[in-house]
Amino acid sequence: MADVNKTITIVIAEAIAPDVINAYASEFNFESDPSGDTKAQFALRMFTEQAQAGIRSTYKSYMTAQGALAAQVQADEDSLNITVS
């Protein structure tokens, strides 16, 4: 299977863009960021990291559930080997 690639465009109305940038700067402590980014670059990086974390979390939850299902099926099969006499 090939990699999944998607280009995403996020449009923030000009009227609220400064507040969105300030919100991300405040939420993620822009003042303590040593990267040298501008506030807007920092906000974009934080948004990207949040999106990535969300995708990873969804994937891990799914894979954990799949593993639990497989373990349940195996336990069901193994339990047929239990006898009481």
C-alpha atoms as a PDB file:
ATOM      1  CA  MET A   1       0.000   0.000   0.000  1.00  0.00           C
ATOM      2  CA  ALA A   2       1.260   3.467  -0.856  1.00  0.00           C
ATOM      3  CA  ASP A   3       1.724   6.317   1.567  1.00  0.00           C
ATOM      4  CA  VAL A   4      -1.288   8.519   2.112  1.00  0.00           C
ATOM      5  CA  ASN A   5      -0.592  12.143   1.267  1.00  0.00           C
ATOM      6  CA  LYS A   6      -2.981  15.056   1.559  1.00  0.00           C
ATOM      7  CA  THR A   7      -2.403  18.751   1.183  1.00  0.00           C
ATOM      8  CA  ILE A   8      -4.577  20.698   3.580  1.00  0.00           C
ATOM      9  CA  THR A   9      -5.346  24.382   3.344  1.00  0.00           C
ATOM     10  CA  ILE A  10      -6.520  26.177   6.430  1.00  0.00           C
ATOM     11  CA  VAL A  11      -8.229  29.494   5.905  1.00  0.00           C
ATOM     12  CA  ILE A  12      -8.577  31.836   8.849  1.00  0.00           C
ATOM     13  CA  ALA A  13     -10.487  35.023   8.217  1.00  0.00           C
ATOM     14  CA  GLU A  14      -8.207  38.045   8.220  1.00  0.00           C
ATOM     15  CA  ALA A  15     -10.354  39.691  10.881  1.00  0.00           C
ATOM     16  CA  ILE A  16      -9.598  36.968  13.443  1.00  0.00           C
ATOM     17  CA  ALA A  17      -6.158  35.791  12.286  1.00  0.00           C
ATOM     18  CA  PRO A  18      -4.241  37.871  14.859  1.00  0.00           C
ATOM     19  CA  ASP A  19      -6.402  36.486  17.665  1.00  0.00           C
ATOM     20  CA  VAL A  20      -5.944  32.906  16.444  1.00  0.00           C
ATOM     21  CA  ILE A  21      -2.176  33.424  16.335  1.00  0.00           C
ATOM     22  CA  ASN A  22      -2.236  35.011  19.789  1.00  0.00           C
ATOM     23  CA  ALA A  23      -4.349  32.126  21.113  1.00  0.00           C
ATOM     24  CA  TYR A  24      -1.800  29.560  19.945  1.00  0.00           C
ATOM     25  CA  ALA A  25       1.083  31.679  21.208  1.00  0.00           C
ATOM     26  CA  SER A  26      -0.578  31.914  24.615  1.00  0.00           C
ATOM     27  CA  GLU A  27      -1.681  28.276  24.796  1.00  0.00           C
ATOM     28  CA  PHE A  28       1.736  26.901  23.875  1.00  0.00           C
ATOM     29  CA  ASN A  29       4.011  29.457  25.597  1.00  0.00           C
ATOM     30  CA  PHE A  30       5.477  31.281  22.616  1.00  0.00           C
ATOM     31  CA  GLU A  31       7.604  33.490  24.864  1.00  0.00           C
ATOM     32  CA  SER A  32       9.617  30.485  26.010  1.00  0.00           C
ATOM     33  CA  ASP A  33      10.075  29.053  22.494  1.00  0.00           C
ATOM     34  CA  PRO A  34      13.813  29.124  21.655  1.00  0.00           C
ATOM     35  CA  SER A  35      13.398  28.267  17.947  1.00  0.00           C
ATOM     36  CA  GLY A  36      13.516  31.850  16.664  1.00  0.00           C
ATOM     37  CA  ASP A  37      10.147  31.512  14.920  1.00  0.00           C
ATOM     38  CA  THR A  38       7.869  34.485  14.511  1.00  0.00           C
ATOM     39  CA  LYS A  39       4.630  34.246  16.465  1.00  0.00           C
ATOM     40  CA  ALA A  40       2.769  33.270  13.268  1.00  0.00           C
ATOM     41  CA  GLN A  41       5.329  30.572  12.409  1.00  0.00           C
ATOM     42  CA  PHE A  42       5.130  29.270  15.959  1.00  0.00           C
ATOM     43  CA  ALA A  43       1.317  29.122  15.808  1.00  0.00           C
ATOM     44  CA  LEU A  44       1.441  27.209  12.526  1.00  0.00           C
ATOM     45  CA  ARG A  45       3.993  24.759  13.946  1.00  0.00           C
ATOM     46  CA  MET A  46       1.825  24.194  17.034  1.00  0.00           C
ATOM     47  CA  PHE A  47      -1.263  23.634  14.883  1.00  0.00           C
ATOM     48  CA  THR A  48       0.628  21.123  12.756  1.00  0.00           C
ATOM     49  CA  GLU A  49       1.908  19.317  15.845  1.00  0.00           C
ATOM     50  CA  GLN A  50      -1.625  19.176  17.278  1.00  0.00           C
ATOM     51  CA  ALA A  51      -3.000  17.725  14.053  1.00  0.00           C
ATOM     52  CA  GLN A  52      -0.217  15.143  13.956  1.00  0.00           C
ATOM     53  CA  ALA A  53      -0.807  14.200  17.599  1.00  0.00           C
ATOM     54  CA  GLY A  54      -4.518  13.757  16.928  1.00  0.00           C
ATOM     55  CA  ILE A  55      -3.879  11.467  13.977  1.00  0.00           C
ATOM     56  CA  ARG A  56      -1.351   9.431  15.977  1.00  0.00           C
ATOM     57  CA  SER A  57      -3.753   9.133  18.910  1.00  0.00           C
ATOM     58  CA  THR A  58      -6.573   7.912  16.670  1.00  0.00           C
ATOM     59  CA  TYR A  59      -4.270   5.364  15.042  1.00  0.00           C
ATOM     60  CA  LYS A  60      -2.945   4.093  18.388  1.00  0.00           C
ATOM     61  CA  SER A  61      -6.481   3.729  19.766  1.00  0.00           C
ATOM     62  CA  TYR A  62      -7.523   1.783  16.696  1.00  0.00           C
ATOM     63  CA  MET A  63      -4.491  -0.496  16.784  1.00  0.00           C
ATOM     64  CA  THR A  64      -4.930  -1.095  20.522  1.00  0.00           C
ATOM     65  CA  ALA A  65      -8.549  -2.092  19.932  1.00  0.00           C
ATOM     66  CA  GLN A  66      -7.478  -4.423  17.119  1.00  0.00           C
ATOM     67  CA  GLY A  67      -4.910  -6.026  19.412  1.00  0.00           C
ATOM     68  CA  ALA A  68      -7.491  -6.404  22.174  1.00  0.00           C
ATOM     69  CA  LEU A  69      -9.911  -8.016  19.744  1.00  0.00           C
ATOM     70  CA  ALA A  70      -7.249 -10.443  18.562  1.00  0.00           C
ATOM     71  CA  ALA A  71      -6.393 -11.295  22.192  1.00  0.00           C
ATOM     72  CA  GLN A  72     -10.075 -11.860  22.955  1.00  0.00           C
ATOM     73  CA  VAL A  73     -10.474 -14.199  19.990  1.00  0.00           C
ATOM     74  CA  GLN A  74      -7.357 -16.114  21.029  1.00  0.00           C
ATOM     75  CA  ALA A  75      -8.583 -16.366  24.629  1.00  0.00           C
ATOM     76  CA  ASP A  76     -11.947 -17.656  23.415  1.00  0.00           C
ATOM     77  CA  GLU A  77     -10.183 -20.335  21.374  1.00  0.00           C
ATOM     78  CA  ASP A  78      -7.795 -21.230  24.196  1.00  0.00           C
ATOM     79  CA  SER A  79     -10.621 -21.470  26.724  1.00  0.00           C
ATOM     80  CA  LEU A  80     -12.032 -24.431  24.808  1.00  0.00           C
ATOM     81  CA  ASN A  81      -9.038 -26.381  26.114  1.00  0.00           C
ATOM     82  CA  ILE A  82     -10.141 -25.979  29.727  1.00  0.00           C
ATOM     83  CA  THR A  83     -11.936 -28.962  31.183  1.00  0.00           C
ATOM     84  CA  VAL A  84     -13.244 -29.706  34.627  1.00  0.00           C
ATOM     85  CA  SER A  85     -13.704 -33.276  35.786  1.00  0.00           C
END
